[in-house]
């Protein structure tokens, strides 16, 4: 596995979501809907994405 990266895009609003979900999305570096960030694929990141899978779209970069 040679430094895989993931493209993470916020696709749903955080209105009505729990404070833990909001904190997780902020920790991913996402602030606005349709904002995209690229991050290294790590087990920690995968765990965060599992918690907010209903709010984000994940693609391999």
N, C-alpha and C. Protein backbone atom coordinates (compact mmCIF):
# COMPACT_ATOMS: atom_id res chain seq x y z
N UNK A 1 0.85 -1.17 0.00
CA UNK A 1 0.00 0.00 0.00
C UNK A 1 0.89 1.24 0.00
N UNK A 2 0.86 1.95 -1.10
CA UNK A 2 1.78 3.08 -1.28
C UNK A 2 1.06 4.41 -1.09
N UNK A 3 0.98 4.86 0.17
CA UNK A 3 0.41 6.18 0.48
C UNK A 3 -0.91 6.47 -0.23
N UNK A 4 -1.92 5.68 0.05
CA UNK A 4 -3.22 5.93 -0.54
C UNK A 4 -3.83 7.16 0.11
N UNK A 5 -4.54 7.95 -0.69
CA UNK A 5 -5.24 9.11 -0.16
C UNK A 5 -6.71 8.98 -0.48
N UNK A 6 -7.53 9.63 0.34
CA UNK A 6 -8.97 9.62 0.15
C UNK A 6 -9.45 11.05 -0.06
N UNK A 7 -10.41 11.22 -0.98
CA UNK A 7 -11.08 12.50 -1.17
C UNK A 7 -12.37 12.42 -0.37
N UNK A 8 -12.55 13.34 0.56
CA UNK A 8 -13.72 13.35 1.44
C UNK A 8 -14.49 14.64 1.17
N UNK A 9 -15.79 14.49 0.86
CA UNK A 9 -16.63 15.63 0.54
C UNK A 9 -17.83 15.65 1.48
N UNK A 10 -18.11 16.81 2.07
CA UNK A 10 -19.29 16.96 2.91
C UNK A 10 -20.51 17.15 2.00
N UNK A 11 -21.49 16.24 2.09
CA UNK A 11 -22.63 16.30 1.19
C UNK A 11 -23.95 16.56 1.91
N UNK A 12 -23.98 16.46 3.23
CA UNK A 12 -25.20 16.69 3.99
C UNK A 12 -24.93 17.78 5.03
N UNK A 13 -25.99 18.49 5.39
CA UNK A 13 -25.89 19.55 6.38
C UNK A 13 -25.70 18.96 7.77
N UNK A 14 -25.06 19.72 8.64
CA UNK A 14 -24.85 19.31 10.02
C UNK A 14 -26.00 19.74 10.92
N UNK A 15 -26.99 20.45 10.37
CA UNK A 15 -28.14 20.87 11.17
C UNK A 15 -28.88 19.62 11.64
N UNK A 16 -29.10 19.53 12.93
CA UNK A 16 -29.82 18.40 13.49
C UNK A 16 -28.94 17.21 13.85
N UNK A 17 -27.66 17.30 13.52
CA UNK A 17 -26.76 16.20 13.87
C UNK A 17 -26.24 16.39 15.29
N UNK A 18 -25.71 15.32 15.84
CA UNK A 18 -25.22 15.39 17.23
C UNK A 18 -23.93 16.19 17.30
N UNK A 19 -23.60 16.62 18.50
CA UNK A 19 -22.37 17.41 18.71
C UNK A 19 -21.14 16.57 18.37
N UNK A 20 -21.20 15.27 18.63
CA UNK A 20 -20.05 14.40 18.30
C UNK A 20 -19.84 14.31 16.80
N UNK A 21 -20.93 14.24 16.03
CA UNK A 21 -20.80 14.21 14.58
C UNK A 21 -20.25 15.52 14.06
N UNK A 22 -20.73 16.62 14.61
CA UNK A 22 -20.21 17.94 14.19
C UNK A 22 -18.72 18.05 14.47
N UNK A 23 -18.30 17.57 15.64
CA UNK A 23 -16.88 17.64 16.01
C UNK A 23 -16.04 16.76 15.09
N UNK A 24 -16.56 15.61 14.72
CA UNK A 24 -15.83 14.72 13.83
C UNK A 24 -15.66 15.34 12.46
N UNK A 25 -16.73 15.94 11.94
CA UNK A 25 -16.65 16.59 10.62
C UNK A 25 -15.67 17.75 10.66
N UNK A 26 -15.67 18.52 11.74
CA UNK A 26 -14.71 19.62 11.87
C UNK A 26 -13.28 19.10 11.94
N UNK A 27 -13.09 17.99 12.64
CA UNK A 27 -11.75 17.40 12.75
C UNK A 27 -11.26 16.90 11.40
N UNK A 28 -12.17 16.56 10.51
CA UNK A 28 -11.80 16.16 9.16
C UNK A 28 -11.41 17.36 8.30
N UNK A 29 -11.67 18.57 8.82
CA UNK A 29 -11.31 19.79 8.09
C UNK A 29 -12.42 20.29 7.19
N UNK A 30 -13.65 19.81 7.40
CA UNK A 30 -14.77 20.21 6.55
C UNK A 30 -15.62 21.25 7.27
N UNK A 31 -15.95 22.33 6.55
CA UNK A 31 -16.76 23.40 7.13
C UNK A 31 -18.03 23.66 6.35
N UNK A 32 -17.99 23.48 5.03
CA UNK A 32 -19.11 23.84 4.17
C UNK A 32 -19.54 22.64 3.33
N UNK A 33 -20.80 22.61 2.96
CA UNK A 33 -21.30 21.56 2.07
C UNK A 33 -20.57 21.68 0.73
N UNK A 34 -20.24 20.55 0.15
CA UNK A 34 -19.49 20.38 -1.11
C UNK A 34 -18.03 20.75 -0.99
N UNK A 35 -17.53 21.01 0.22
CA UNK A 35 -16.10 21.22 0.43
C UNK A 35 -15.42 19.85 0.42
N UNK A 36 -14.27 19.76 -0.23
CA UNK A 36 -13.54 18.50 -0.35
C UNK A 36 -12.14 18.65 0.23
N UNK A 37 -11.71 17.61 0.95
CA UNK A 37 -10.35 17.56 1.46
C UNK A 37 -9.74 16.22 1.07
N UNK A 38 -8.42 16.19 0.98
CA UNK A 38 -7.71 14.94 0.71
C UNK A 38 -6.88 14.60 1.94
N UNK A 39 -7.02 13.36 2.39
CA UNK A 39 -6.29 12.93 3.58
C UNK A 39 -5.72 11.54 3.34
N UNK A 40 -4.64 11.23 4.06
CA UNK A 40 -4.02 9.91 3.97
C UNK A 40 -4.95 8.86 4.56
N UNK A 41 -5.00 7.71 3.92
CA UNK A 41 -5.86 6.61 4.36
C UNK A 41 -5.21 5.90 5.54
N UNK A 42 -5.76 6.12 6.74
CA UNK A 42 -5.25 5.49 7.96
C UNK A 42 -6.41 4.84 8.69
N UNK A 43 -6.14 3.91 9.58
CA UNK A 43 -7.22 3.30 10.38
C UNK A 43 -7.99 4.34 11.21
N UNK A 44 -7.29 5.34 11.72
CA UNK A 44 -7.95 6.39 12.50
C UNK A 44 -8.95 7.15 11.63
N UNK A 45 -8.53 7.51 10.44
CA UNK A 45 -9.41 8.23 9.52
C UNK A 45 -10.60 7.36 9.14
N UNK A 46 -10.38 6.09 8.89
CA UNK A 46 -11.48 5.19 8.54
C UNK A 46 -12.52 5.11 9.66
N UNK A 47 -12.06 5.12 10.90
CA UNK A 47 -12.98 5.10 12.03
C UNK A 47 -13.81 6.36 12.10
N UNK A 48 -13.18 7.51 11.83
CA UNK A 48 -13.91 8.78 11.82
C UNK A 48 -14.96 8.79 10.71
N UNK A 49 -14.58 8.27 9.55
CA UNK A 49 -15.50 8.25 8.42
C UNK A 49 -16.67 7.32 8.68
N UNK A 50 -16.44 6.24 9.40
CA UNK A 50 -17.52 5.32 9.73
C UNK A 50 -18.58 6.00 10.59
N UNK A 51 -18.15 6.90 11.47
CA UNK A 51 -19.08 7.61 12.35
C UNK A 51 -19.96 8.61 11.61
N UNK A 52 -19.43 9.20 10.53
CA UNK A 52 -20.19 10.23 9.81
C UNK A 52 -20.42 9.83 8.35
N UNK A 53 -20.54 8.56 8.10
CA UNK A 53 -20.71 8.06 6.73
C UNK A 53 -21.96 8.61 6.06
N UNK A 54 -22.98 8.93 6.85
CA UNK A 54 -24.23 9.44 6.30
C UNK A 54 -24.13 10.92 5.92
N UNK A 55 -23.03 11.58 6.26
CA UNK A 55 -22.85 13.00 5.98
C UNK A 55 -21.83 13.28 4.89
N UNK A 56 -20.96 12.31 4.60
CA UNK A 56 -19.85 12.55 3.68
C UNK A 56 -19.86 11.54 2.53
N UNK A 57 -19.15 11.90 1.47
CA UNK A 57 -18.90 11.00 0.34
C UNK A 57 -17.39 10.78 0.29
N UNK A 58 -16.97 9.53 0.16
CA UNK A 58 -15.55 9.19 0.18
C UNK A 58 -15.18 8.54 -1.15
N UNK A 59 -14.08 9.03 -1.74
CA UNK A 59 -13.54 8.47 -2.99
C UNK A 59 -12.06 8.26 -2.82
N UNK A 60 -11.52 7.26 -3.51
CA UNK A 60 -10.07 7.08 -3.52
C UNK A 60 -9.48 8.05 -4.51
N UNK A 61 -8.39 8.69 -4.11
CA UNK A 61 -7.75 9.69 -4.98
C UNK A 61 -6.55 9.09 -5.68
